[in-house]
Amino acid sequence: MSKKQAREELESDPLLETFSKAQSFYDQNKSAVIGGIIALILIIGGGIGYYYYSTSQEESAQQLLSDATTYYINGNYQQALTGSDEDFAVGFEQIIDNYPRTDAANLARYYAAVSAFNLGNLQEAISYIEGYELPDGILGVGPISFHAMLMTEEGNYSEAAKLYIKAAEWDENSSTTPFNYLKAAQTYNSAGEKEQAKEYAQLVVDEYSNSPQASEAQRLLGTLATAN
């Protein structure tokens, strides 16, 4: 191969062409390129900084949650919710307000809902449970069922029944599913929605005949048939 041919092939090499174009672009837009690189470094640095900040926030919130939960377990719902000046302890409210994006604050919302309900503050309990982010699987069933119970207490039976169905289907199993389907049927019956009540009572009888709820569902079907 002659030197002329070798030079021509090098000049037409796509990698060299790409590098040449990139070099030309850099020369013409040097300030913008450097600015973009600096911005990228700042974004990456900010992400790392936020990670360490959020980790620190989570650790602090978890420690405070542990203290508040002690009151909760002992049935001291007011102290669990608002804290105790005497013990220099914070409650679920402060954790939610000061560490809102942490897992600890999310769990505090559920505990706060239960605490508020036990203190007779129904609307406050509903507000907290509506802000609670449900976990996947079986751990999400109880909070949904509790939310349904709150709506029943409020007299919103149709919404309560829908939540019981959601609880039944959140993690389908032979224990919580028939329980919540039966609750849905009973709540629909309280709402005067007889067809829906019949549908979910029949579902328990047909698909969960060995469950403790099957006999109760059968009795409800009998009551509904007599009412018709």
Protein backbone atom coordinates (compact mmCIF):
# COMPACT_ATOMS: atom_id res chain seq x y z
CA MET A 1 0.00 0.00 0.00
CA SER A 2 1.40 3.45 -0.96
CA LYS A 3 1.74 6.28 1.53
CA LYS A 4 -0.88 8.20 -0.40
CA GLN A 5 -3.41 5.35 -0.08
CA ALA A 6 -2.63 4.91 3.60
CA ARG A 7 -3.17 8.62 4.21
CA GLU A 8 -6.46 8.59 2.29
CA GLU A 9 -7.73 5.61 4.32
CA LEU A 10 -6.77 7.28 7.59
CA GLU A 11 -8.51 10.47 6.54
CA SER A 12 -11.68 8.49 5.79
CA ASP A 13 -11.53 6.45 9.04
CA PRO A 14 -14.93 7.00 10.80
CA LEU A 15 -13.31 7.10 14.26
CA LEU A 16 -10.95 9.83 13.17
CA GLU A 17 -13.83 11.69 11.54
CA THR A 18 -15.85 11.50 14.77
CA PHE A 19 -12.91 12.69 16.84
CA SER A 20 -12.30 15.52 14.41
CA LYS A 21 -15.94 16.63 14.62
CA ALA A 22 -15.90 16.40 18.40
CA GLN A 23 -12.71 18.44 18.58
CA SER A 24 -14.21 21.04 16.29
CA PHE A 25 -17.41 21.20 18.37
CA TYR A 26 -15.39 21.60 21.57
CA ASP A 27 -13.30 24.39 20.08
CA GLN A 28 -16.43 26.26 18.99
CA ASN A 29 -18.44 25.64 22.18
CA LYS A 30 -15.77 25.42 24.86
CA SER A 31 -17.61 27.45 27.50
CA ALA A 32 -20.87 25.51 27.11
CA VAL A 33 -19.10 22.14 27.25
CA ILE A 34 -17.14 23.06 30.37
CA GLY A 35 -20.32 24.44 31.95
CA GLY A 36 -22.14 21.18 31.19
CA ILE A 37 -19.35 19.12 32.76
CA ILE A 38 -19.39 21.29 35.88
CA ALA A 39 -23.19 20.97 36.10
CA LEU A 40 -22.93 17.18 35.82
CA ILE A 41 -20.33 17.08 38.60
CA LEU A 42 -22.59 19.21 40.79
CA ILE A 43 -25.58 16.95 40.12
CA ILE A 44 -23.58 13.83 41.00
CA GLY A 45 -22.13 15.53 44.08
CA GLY A 46 -25.56 16.72 45.11
CA GLY A 47 -26.96 13.21 44.74
CA ILE A 48 -24.23 11.80 46.97
CA GLY A 49 -24.77 14.57 49.49
CA TYR A 50 -28.53 13.97 49.53
CA TYR A 51 -27.98 10.24 50.07
CA TYR A 52 -25.90 10.86 53.20
CA TYR A 53 -28.33 13.55 54.37
CA SER A 54 -31.38 11.28 53.91
CA THR A 55 -29.59 8.40 55.65
CA SER A 56 -28.84 10.67 58.60
CA GLN A 57 -32.45 11.87 58.66
CA GLU A 58 -33.73 8.29 58.62
CA GLU A 59 -31.49 7.25 61.51
CA SER A 60 -32.61 10.21 63.62
CA ALA A 61 -36.27 9.62 62.83
CA GLN A 62 -36.03 5.91 63.62
CA GLN A 63 -34.55 6.66 67.03
CA LEU A 64 -37.33 9.10 67.84
CA LEU A 65 -39.91 6.63 66.54
CA SER A 66 -38.61 4.01 68.94
CA ASP A 67 -39.27 6.30 71.89
CA ALA A 68 -42.77 7.28 70.68
CA THR A 69 -43.64 3.66 70.01
CA THR A 70 -42.95 2.79 73.64
CA TYR A 71 -45.79 5.09 74.67
CA TYR A 72 -47.97 3.57 71.95
CA ILE A 73 -47.35 -0.01 73.07
CA ASN A 74 -48.19 0.93 76.65
CA GLY A 75 -51.48 2.51 75.56
CA ASN A 76 -50.35 6.06 76.33
CA TYR A 77 -51.81 7.38 73.09
CA GLN A 78 -51.67 11.10 73.89
CA GLN A 79 -47.95 10.97 74.71
CA ALA A 80 -47.36 8.73 71.70
CA LEU A 81 -49.06 11.28 69.46
CA THR A 82 -47.76 14.58 70.85
CA GLY A 83 -44.75 13.58 72.94
CA SER A 84 -43.94 14.34 76.58
CA ASP A 85 -42.29 17.51 77.85
CA GLU A 86 -41.67 15.77 81.15
CA ASP A 87 -39.66 13.00 79.48
CA PHE A 88 -38.17 15.28 76.79
CA ALA A 89 -39.65 12.92 74.21
CA VAL A 90 -41.27 13.72 70.88
CA GLY A 91 -44.35 12.02 69.50
CA PHE A 92 -45.54 10.83 66.12
CA GLU A 93 -46.72 14.34 65.18
CA GLN A 94 -43.24 15.84 65.46
CA ILE A 95 -41.66 12.96 63.56
CA ILE A 96 -44.12 13.43 60.71
CA ASP A 97 -43.58 17.20 60.64
CA ASN A 98 -39.79 17.19 60.93
CA TYR A 99 -38.87 14.06 58.96
CA PRO A 100 -41.72 13.83 56.40
CA ARG A 101 -39.90 11.87 53.69
CA THR A 102 -38.49 9.12 55.89
CA ASP A 103 -39.79 5.58 56.32
CA ALA A 104 -40.05 6.30 60.04
CA ALA A 105 -42.43 9.22 59.39
CA ASN A 106 -44.54 7.04 57.13
CA LEU A 107 -44.91 4.41 59.85
CA ALA A 108 -45.58 7.19 62.35
CA ARG A 109 -48.61 8.20 60.24
CA TYR A 110 -50.15 4.78 60.78
CA TYR A 111 -49.43 4.77 64.51
CA ALA A 112 -50.74 8.34 64.73
CA ALA A 113 -53.98 7.27 63.05
CA VAL A 114 -54.49 4.48 65.58
CA SER A 115 -53.57 6.78 68.46
CA ALA A 116 -55.94 9.52 67.30
CA PHE A 117 -58.77 7.01 66.93
CA ASN A 118 -58.22 5.68 70.44
CA LEU A 119 -58.35 9.26 71.69
CA GLY A 120 -61.72 9.73 69.98
CA ASN A 121 -60.43 11.97 67.18
CA LEU A 122 -61.97 10.27 64.15
CA GLN A 123 -61.28 12.92 61.51
CA GLU A 124 -57.68 13.26 62.64
CA ALA A 125 -57.27 9.49 62.42
CA ILE A 126 -58.68 9.48 58.87
CA SER A 127 -56.33 12.29 57.85
CA TYR A 128 -53.30 10.37 59.10
CA ILE A 129 -54.26 7.05 57.51
CA GLU A 130 -54.94 8.73 54.17
CA GLY A 131 -51.36 10.02 54.19
CA TYR A 132 -49.90 6.60 54.96
CA GLU A 133 -48.03 4.88 52.13
CA LEU A 134 -49.05 1.24 52.15
CA PRO A 135 -46.39 -1.49 52.15
CA ASP A 136 -46.61 -4.39 49.73
CA GLY A 137 -47.90 -7.80 50.77
CA ILE A 138 -49.56 -8.89 53.98
CA LEU A 139 -48.27 -5.88 55.96
CA GLY A 140 -50.53 -3.60 53.92
CA VAL A 141 -53.73 -5.49 54.69
CA GLY A 142 -54.20 -4.37 58.31
CA PRO A 143 -53.86 -0.64 57.58
CA ILE A 144 -56.37 -0.85 54.72
CA SER A 145 -58.82 -2.76 56.89
CA PHE A 146 -58.30 -0.20 59.67
CA HIS A 147 -59.01 2.60 57.17
CA ALA A 148 -62.22 0.80 56.21
CA MET A 149 -63.22 0.60 59.86
CA LEU A 150 -62.66 4.36 60.23
CA MET A 151 -64.91 5.03 57.25
CA THR A 152 -67.55 2.78 58.82
CA GLU A 153 -67.33 4.81 62.02
CA GLU A 154 -67.81 7.95 59.93
CA GLY A 155 -70.94 6.42 58.38
CA ASN A 156 -69.47 6.22 54.88
CA TYR A 157 -70.42 2.59 54.34
CA SER A 158 -69.96 2.45 50.57
CA GLU A 159 -66.39 3.73 50.80
CA ALA A 160 -65.71 1.41 53.73
CA ALA A 161 -66.90 -1.59 51.71
CA LYS A 162 -64.60 -0.66 48.82
CA LEU A 163 -61.67 -0.47 51.23
CA TYR A 164 -62.52 -3.88 52.69
CA ILE A 165 -62.46 -5.30 49.17
CA LYS A 166 -59.10 -3.62 48.59
CA ALA A 167 -57.81 -5.20 51.81
CA ALA A 168 -59.13 -8.61 50.76
CA GLU A 169 -57.33 -8.41 47.43
CA TRP A 170 -54.14 -6.65 48.55
CA ASP A 171 -52.61 -9.98 49.56
CA GLU A 172 -54.90 -12.89 48.75
CA ASN A 173 -54.74 -15.70 51.29
CA SER A 174 -57.06 -18.01 53.20
CA SER A 175 -57.10 -15.85 56.33
CA THR A 176 -57.37 -12.12 55.70
CA THR A 177 -59.10 -12.38 52.31
CA PRO A 178 -62.35 -14.08 53.44
CA PHE A 179 -62.39 -11.92 56.58
CA ASN A 180 -62.31 -8.71 54.58
CA TYR A 181 -64.72 -9.95 51.90
CA LEU A 182 -67.21 -10.75 54.65
CA LYS A 183 -66.70 -7.29 56.18
CA ALA A 184 -67.33 -5.81 52.74
CA ALA A 185 -70.57 -7.79 52.43
CA GLN A 186 -71.74 -6.71 55.90
CA THR A 187 -70.86 -3.09 55.23
CA TYR A 188 -72.66 -3.08 51.89
CA ASN A 189 -75.67 -4.48 53.72
CA SER A 190 -75.47 -1.60 56.21
CA ALA A 191 -75.35 0.78 53.27
CA GLY A 192 -78.51 -0.75 51.86
CA GLU A 193 -76.67 -2.06 48.81
CA LYS A 194 -78.11 -5.55 48.95
CA GLU A 195 -76.85 -6.88 45.62
CA GLN A 196 -73.24 -6.03 46.42
CA ALA A 197 -73.67 -7.53 49.89
CA LYS A 198 -74.97 -10.74 48.34
CA GLU A 199 -72.12 -10.83 45.80
CA TYR A 200 -69.34 -10.75 48.38
CA ALA A 201 -71.08 -13.01 50.89
CA GLN A 202 -71.53 -15.56 48.11
CA LEU A 203 -67.87 -15.15 47.18
CA VAL A 204 -66.85 -16.17 50.70
CA VAL A 205 -69.16 -19.19 50.63
CA ASP A 206 -68.02 -20.33 47.19
CA GLU A 207 -64.28 -19.73 47.34
CA TYR A 208 -63.50 -19.88 51.06
CA SER A 209 -65.93 -22.54 52.28
CA ASN A 210 -63.44 -23.82 54.89
CA SER A 211 -62.85 -20.40 56.41
CA PRO A 212 -64.34 -19.33 59.77
CA GLN A 213 -66.23 -16.62 57.87
CA ALA A 214 -68.12 -19.03 55.60
CA SER A 215 -70.91 -19.79 58.06
CA GLU A 216 -71.40 -16.11 58.85
CA ALA A 217 -71.54 -15.34 55.14
CA GLN A 218 -74.14 -18.08 54.70
CA ARG A 219 -76.28 -16.54 57.45
CA LEU A 220 -76.02 -13.14 55.80
CA LEU A 221 -77.19 -14.67 52.51
CA GLY A 222 -80.17 -16.15 54.33
CA THR A 223 -81.02 -12.77 55.84
CA LEU A 224 -80.75 -11.08 52.45
CA ALA A 225 -82.97 -13.73 50.84
CA THR A 226 -85.63 -13.26 53.52
CA ALA A 227 -85.48 -9.48 53.10
CA ASN A 228 -86.24 -9.88 49.40
